[in-house]
Amino acid sequence: VKTAKINKMRPHASAASNPCRSSLVVFIFAVFTRALLVVALDASSSTSIGAPGVGGHHAGVPSHSRGKYQRVAVLGAPNASGQRRAGVERAPAILRAAGIVDDIRSLGWDVDDLGDAHAPKLPVPSPPHGPPTSVSPRVRKTNAWGDADAAALHSAVADRVHDALASGAVPLTIGGDHSVSIGSVAGALRHDPRLSVVWIDAHADVNSPEMSETGNMHGMSLAMVAGLAAPASWPDGAYDWLLKDDDSPGAVGGAEDTNTAVRRQPKLNLKRVVYIGLRDVDKAERKLIEQLGIKAFTAEDVRNMGARDVARLAIEHLRFVSDGDAEGGVTTHVSLDVDSLDPKFMKATGTPVAGGLVPDDVASLLDEIRIRSRVTSVDLVELNVDLVDEGERAGYVDTARGLARALLGEAGCESGVDAITAKA
């Protein structure tokens, strides 16, 4: 069974003739083969890393791997306070020890390892809470909501991501749970208020505290940076830094700029968000997505339509809502939760959901997104190896390393197509 599985994953054509292709093909092949062996899938459930469905050269479409961006800034965000399972805060250290910085350098990038934005933060005990009702409306509490220290950690991530972008680097933020994207997206918005976001995840993460069914803050990241959360619910102004938009008094660059210690913080326009891989969406989130017209592709859509067509449609939508043209394109932040993968490929995460993406499709999605937009910042979140047997951990760590490489592609390559998959 294992031999058949390996054969199915083997590319059908040699990549040796293309120096921009060969090293990443070998790595992705080794990573996902090892991961599959660790989880012992049936040969019938494995999928080959096959030929791309769309050509790899798109004239006039910018890619961050061309031109200005030749440097990656790796930033750890070891924060587990947005959910209840300890271990996810260890992921930045584990991935560094496994060689993720050298992995990125092997793709031709210059790499600055910025260390961690803050000290590791464990889950915060959650107070009792329940959904608001018409009889007793109230602001829901969450596990991290009442913790001012957690709010400061997100602010620290935002500062570091913004500074990395200002220096000309592509920041790779390694979580931690998905609440770390409150900081990474906020920091990227400071650099480019017209930023678009591609959210690759099993979950929508757009609950406000008032909407949330679980009280977990990692399910509120997009709501926070979009300004959907009620300020009265957070402690002592802990998240007030998220309110300093263009017209906010005291914000740098805003009206009555009197407090230069507070940076201007644009809010995320949720119409500039595209979801890919959804399959576990709360009822209130589903209603909000429909009301706002947020573009969303489920994991089933990816299987039915093809990963590259989904990515193409996603970027075309973002270009339309951003009034972008073919030359200017759109600037994107890509946030990748490892639970976007089917549990057959990734069990080392706190909220796995069946029916997810396969590695081939994630690689193709990321590649096509890089071809058709300018990806200026990325996240990799929710790896928690403490939730699996010790003997399985190395395989899942290697899978996460492969995802990081797929997020970035090869520096200096016109397209990531040939870097990730070998064309038959």
Foldseek 3Di string as FASTA:
>chain_A
DLVLQLVQADFPDALVVPPQAHPLQVLLSVLQSLLLVLLVDDSVPHHYLAAFPDDFDDPQFAFLLDDLEQEEEEEEQLEQQLDADPFQSCLVVVLVVVPLQVLQVVLVGHYHHPYYLDDHHHHADFDDFAAADPVGGDQTAARCQAPLVVLVSLQSLLVVLLVCVVVRYAYEYEDDAQLNLLNNVQNVCLVPVLAFEEEQAQEDLCDESNRDHHRRNSSRSLVQLQVVYDCVRHPPCSNVLSVQAQQDQCEVNHPVVDPPVRHHTRGDDQLRYEYEAYDDYDPVRVVVCVVSVRHYYHQVNCVVVPLLVVLVVSQVSNCVVSVHDSNQGHEYEYEHEPLQAAVSSAPQFDDHDHPHHHPSSLLNNLQNNSLRHYYRYYYYGGGGLVVDDPSSSVSNSSVSSSSVCSNRRRRPDNTSSSRNGPHD
